[in-house]
Amino acid sequence: MATYLSIAGQTATTYTGTPAYTATPNSIVAFSEWDSASNTYRAGTAQIDTPNVSTVPGNTFLTPANGEFTCNNLIQTNGGAENIRTNGPAVAAAFTPFHCIYAVDVDQFADAGFEMATYFDATGRPASFSSTPQSFPGNMNPDNDIYTILLSSGPRQGQPTLNDMGTRVIYEAAVGDLATSLLKLQPPENEGRPRSTYGNIQSGMNDEEAAAVWLSFGYGLFKGDGQSAQEAFWTR
């Protein structure tokens, strides 16, 4: 099983051009990427694995969920995962035009010849507008009764400073209580998630249903296996 570490932030180049992505084996799994230059989202590389949820719940366009890439219903639309700043402008700036939410498979990272000391350059130096780039990715809870929820920081997540928004933030939720937890921490419509017609989380949803919405929005989700954080309702 893989061991994942979480990442989010602005980068100067797309993740597909980073050494960690182009090396064999590829050690990055992406949930979404915002390209501010072209005003579009790139679908993630994680594939939604919700066999009991075929379409995104609450989505009026009947957008497929199971088997589709994360961020699959956000391409060419506004208000998605990277639009977490007040009133919705995307976090990426001219000098860091891309914003990614992704994770590193540390075993494949090592197998590709990298060490954590080279993470800074190998993964594109994710950073906020004004902070030092992240030198190391973030740990996640290995408890098998816990989900780790990955998203970018913004006002709703306790980061009110405009130029510090957009970096990695993680929350934990108990297995069986994912929908309730996501309702508390998800960004407002058009300021970190698309309008409700693209899908919405409701308190009565089971974990699989809530995960289908969350992953389609381009955010990350993991579940502990007792030793490390593993895929939760997605595969590579």
Protein backbone atom coordinates (compact mmCIF):
# COMPACT_ATOMS: atom_id res chain seq x y z
CA MET A 1 0.00 0.00 0.00
CA ALA A 2 1.11 3.55 -0.69
CA THR A 3 2.03 6.13 1.91
CA TYR A 4 0.76 9.57 0.94
CA LEU A 5 1.75 13.04 2.09
CA SER A 6 -0.48 16.01 1.26
CA ILE A 7 0.29 19.19 -0.70
CA ALA A 8 -1.50 22.31 -1.90
CA GLY A 9 -0.22 25.65 -3.16
CA GLN A 10 0.76 27.90 -6.03
CA THR A 11 3.49 26.89 -8.44
CA ALA A 12 5.32 28.52 -11.34
CA THR A 13 4.75 25.52 -13.62
CA THR A 14 2.10 22.86 -14.00
CA TYR A 15 2.60 19.74 -11.92
CA THR A 16 2.84 17.69 -15.14
CA GLY A 17 6.22 19.30 -15.76
CA THR A 18 7.73 18.60 -12.34
CA PRO A 19 10.44 15.94 -11.95
CA ALA A 20 8.26 14.01 -9.48
CA TYR A 21 5.58 13.69 -12.17
CA THR A 22 7.78 13.02 -15.20
CA ALA A 23 10.09 10.57 -13.42
CA THR A 24 9.38 6.85 -13.55
CA PRO A 25 7.55 5.91 -11.44
CA ASN A 26 5.31 8.99 -11.26
CA SER A 27 4.98 9.83 -7.57
CA ILE A 28 2.32 12.59 -7.71
CA VAL A 29 -1.42 12.09 -7.55
CA ALA A 30 -3.37 15.27 -8.36
CA PHE A 31 -6.92 16.12 -7.36
CA SER A 32 -7.13 19.39 -9.31
CA GLU A 33 -5.08 22.15 -10.85
CA TRP A 34 -6.10 25.71 -11.69
CA ASP A 35 -4.36 27.41 -14.61
CA SER A 36 -4.93 31.15 -14.16
CA ALA A 37 -3.41 32.00 -17.54
CA SER A 38 -6.04 30.00 -19.46
CA ASN A 39 -8.75 30.39 -16.80
CA THR A 40 -9.41 26.66 -16.71
CA TYR A 41 -9.13 23.65 -14.44
CA ARG A 42 -7.14 20.57 -15.28
CA ALA A 43 -8.82 17.35 -14.17
CA GLY A 44 -7.02 15.42 -11.52
CA THR A 45 -5.20 12.13 -11.97
CA ALA A 46 -7.10 10.43 -9.14
CA GLN A 47 -10.01 8.34 -10.36
CA ILE A 48 -13.21 8.44 -8.31
CA ASP A 49 -14.03 4.99 -6.93
CA THR A 50 -17.67 5.05 -5.80
CA PRO A 51 -19.31 1.96 -7.32
CA ASN A 52 -22.59 2.65 -5.51
CA VAL A 53 -22.72 6.29 -6.65
CA SER A 54 -22.76 6.52 -10.44
CA THR A 55 -23.40 10.28 -10.78
CA VAL A 56 -22.41 13.25 -8.62
CA PRO A 57 -25.20 13.69 -6.03
CA GLY A 58 -27.15 16.91 -6.53
CA ASN A 59 -25.67 17.50 -9.98
CA THR A 60 -28.35 18.64 -12.43
CA PHE A 61 -26.18 17.71 -15.41
CA LEU A 62 -25.96 14.02 -14.40
CA THR A 63 -22.19 14.25 -14.32
CA PRO A 64 -20.63 10.79 -13.86
CA ALA A 65 -18.84 10.07 -10.60
CA ASN A 66 -17.59 6.50 -10.42
CA GLY A 67 -14.66 5.91 -12.75
CA GLU A 68 -14.22 9.60 -13.59
CA PHE A 69 -11.25 11.77 -12.72
CA THR A 70 -11.48 14.12 -9.78
CA CYS A 71 -12.43 17.70 -10.69
CA ASN A 72 -14.26 16.18 -13.67
CA ASN A 73 -17.21 18.57 -13.56
CA LEU A 74 -15.24 21.76 -12.95
CA ILE A 75 -13.36 22.04 -16.21
CA GLN A 76 -13.99 25.45 -17.84
CA THR A 77 -16.21 26.51 -14.92
CA ASN A 78 -15.87 29.10 -12.17
CA GLY A 79 -16.04 28.81 -8.42
CA GLY A 80 -14.08 25.60 -8.00
CA ALA A 81 -11.45 24.27 -5.66
CA GLU A 82 -8.90 27.03 -6.13
CA ASN A 83 -11.35 29.95 -5.88
CA ILE A 84 -11.11 30.20 -2.11
CA ARG A 85 -10.33 33.90 -1.80
CA THR A 86 -13.01 36.39 -0.78
CA ASN A 87 -15.55 36.83 -3.60
CA GLY A 88 -14.02 33.99 -5.52
CA PRO A 89 -10.88 35.08 -7.44
CA ALA A 90 -8.52 32.17 -7.91
CA VAL A 91 -5.46 31.98 -5.68
CA ALA A 92 -2.86 31.71 -8.43
CA ALA A 93 -0.97 34.90 -9.33
CA ALA A 94 0.96 36.03 -12.39
CA PHE A 95 4.29 34.78 -11.06
CA THR A 96 2.77 31.50 -9.80
CA PRO A 97 0.01 30.91 -12.35
CA PHE A 98 -0.86 27.36 -11.29
CA HIS A 99 -2.51 26.13 -8.13
CA CYS A 100 -2.57 22.43 -7.31
CA ILE A 101 -4.13 20.17 -4.71
CA TYR A 102 -2.24 16.90 -4.74
CA ALA A 103 -0.27 14.33 -2.80
CA VAL A 104 3.04 12.53 -3.05
CA ASP A 105 3.39 8.76 -2.87
CA VAL A 106 6.55 8.69 -0.77
CA ASP A 107 7.53 5.15 -1.75
CA GLN A 108 7.35 5.92 -5.46
CA PHE A 109 9.06 9.23 -4.77
CA ALA A 110 11.98 7.29 -3.30
CA ASP A 111 11.88 4.65 -6.05
CA ALA A 112 12.21 7.42 -8.63
CA GLY A 113 15.50 8.44 -7.00
CA PHE A 114 14.28 11.38 -4.90
CA GLU A 115 14.84 12.08 -1.24
CA MET A 116 12.69 14.31 0.94
CA ALA A 117 15.52 16.85 0.84
CA THR A 118 14.85 17.26 -2.89
CA TYR A 119 11.07 17.53 -2.51
CA PHE A 120 11.30 21.32 -2.74
CA ASP A 121 12.43 21.23 -6.37
CA ALA A 122 10.97 17.89 -7.44
CA THR A 123 7.36 18.94 -6.82
CA GLY A 124 7.40 22.48 -8.21
CA ARG A 125 7.91 24.44 -4.96
CA PRO A 126 4.28 24.88 -3.89
CA ALA A 127 3.83 28.08 -1.86
CA SER A 128 1.40 30.83 -0.99
CA PHE A 129 1.76 34.34 -2.42
CA SER A 130 4.02 35.62 0.31
CA SER A 131 5.33 32.62 2.22
CA THR A 132 8.42 30.50 1.83
CA PRO A 133 7.77 27.49 -0.42
CA GLN A 134 6.83 24.30 1.39
CA SER A 135 9.99 22.38 2.14
CA PHE A 136 8.18 19.14 3.02
CA PRO A 137 4.71 17.73 2.42
CA GLY A 138 2.21 17.14 5.23
CA ASN A 139 1.52 14.06 7.27
CA MET A 140 -1.99 12.60 7.59
CA ASN A 141 -3.73 10.53 10.26
CA PRO A 142 -3.06 6.75 9.98
CA ASP A 143 -6.02 5.81 12.22
CA ASN A 144 -8.31 3.46 10.31
CA ASP A 145 -11.37 5.13 11.83
CA ILE A 146 -10.37 8.56 10.53
CA TYR A 147 -10.63 10.33 7.18
CA THR A 148 -8.14 13.06 6.34
CA ILE A 149 -9.73 15.84 4.29
CA LEU A 150 -7.38 17.86 2.07
CA LEU A 151 -8.13 21.33 0.72
CA SER A 152 -6.65 24.82 0.34
CA SER A 153 -6.71 27.45 3.06
CA GLY A 154 -9.08 30.41 2.83
CA PRO A 155 -11.38 32.49 5.07
CA ARG A 156 -13.67 29.55 5.79
CA GLN A 157 -10.66 27.49 6.87
CA GLY A 158 -9.31 30.11 9.27
CA GLN A 159 -6.88 31.97 6.97
CA PRO A 160 -8.16 35.54 6.53
CA THR A 161 -4.92 37.01 5.14
CA LEU A 162 -5.33 37.35 1.39
CA ASN A 163 -1.74 36.72 0.37
CA ASP A 164 -1.37 33.69 2.64
CA MET A 165 -4.34 31.79 1.25
CA GLY A 166 -4.13 28.72 -0.91
CA THR A 167 -1.71 26.53 1.01
CA ARG A 168 -2.40 23.04 2.32
CA VAL A 169 -4.86 22.55 5.15
CA ILE A 170 -6.17 19.23 6.43
CA TYR A 171 -9.10 18.27 8.65
CA GLU A 172 -10.11 14.96 10.19
CA ALA A 173 -13.52 13.29 10.18
CA ALA A 174 -14.72 10.09 11.79
CA VAL A 175 -15.65 7.25 9.45
CA GLY A 176 -19.43 7.32 9.14
CA ASP A 177 -19.58 11.08 9.69
CA LEU A 178 -18.00 12.43 6.51
CA ALA A 179 -20.99 14.40 5.18
CA THR A 180 -21.54 16.25 8.45
CA SER A 181 -17.88 17.19 8.64
CA LEU A 182 -17.68 18.37 5.03
CA LEU A 183 -20.75 20.55 5.50
CA LYS A 184 -18.95 22.38 8.30
CA LEU A 185 -15.73 23.08 6.44
CA GLN A 186 -16.59 23.31 2.74
CA PRO A 187 -16.15 26.77 1.18
CA PRO A 188 -19.18 28.82 0.06
CA GLU A 189 -20.58 28.51 -3.45
CA ASN A 190 -18.39 30.20 -6.08
CA GLU A 191 -15.71 30.78 -3.44
CA GLY A 192 -14.09 27.38 -3.31
CA ARG A 193 -16.77 25.13 -4.76
CA PRO A 194 -19.11 25.46 -7.72
CA ARG A 195 -22.76 26.38 -7.37
CA SER A 196 -25.02 23.65 -6.04
CA THR A 197 -26.23 22.61 -9.48
CA TYR A 198 -22.82 20.95 -9.94
CA GLY A 199 -23.39 18.81 -6.85
CA ASN A 200 -23.99 19.33 -3.17
CA ILE A 201 -23.40 17.57 0.13
CA GLN A 202 -26.37 16.90 2.39
CA SER A 203 -26.35 15.82 6.01
CA GLY A 204 -28.13 12.53 5.35
CA MET A 205 -25.57 11.26 2.87
CA ASN A 206 -23.43 8.22 3.57
CA ASP A 207 -19.65 8.51 3.28
CA GLU A 208 -19.52 7.24 -0.30
CA GLU A 209 -22.08 9.78 -1.51
CA ALA A 210 -20.35 12.67 0.25
CA ALA A 211 -16.98 11.56 -1.10
CA ALA A 212 -18.31 11.51 -4.68
CA VAL A 213 -19.23 15.19 -4.39
CA TRP A 214 -16.04 16.21 -2.58
CA LEU A 215 -13.71 14.48 -5.00
CA SER A 216 -15.58 15.77 -8.05
CA PHE A 217 -14.95 19.29 -6.70
CA GLY A 218 -11.20 18.63 -6.89
CA TYR A 219 -10.37 18.16 -3.21
CA GLY A 220 -8.50 15.27 -1.59
CA LEU A 221 -9.68 12.54 0.74
CA PHE A 222 -7.72 9.83 2.55
CA LYS A 223 -8.39 7.11 5.10
CA GLY A 224 -5.93 5.57 7.51
CA ASP A 225 -5.14 1.87 7.39
CA GLY A 226 -3.50 1.73 10.81
CA GLN A 227 -0.08 2.64 9.43
CA SER A 228 -0.48 5.41 6.86
CA ALA A 229 -2.98 7.46 4.88
CA GLN A 230 -4.50 5.58 1.94
CA GLU A 231 -6.90 6.31 -0.91
CA ALA A 232 -10.48 6.98 0.20
CA PHE A 233 -13.06 6.43 -2.56
CA TRP A 234 -10.49 6.97 -5.31
CA THR A 235 -7.79 5.01 -7.08
CA ARG A 236 -4.78 5.82 -9.23
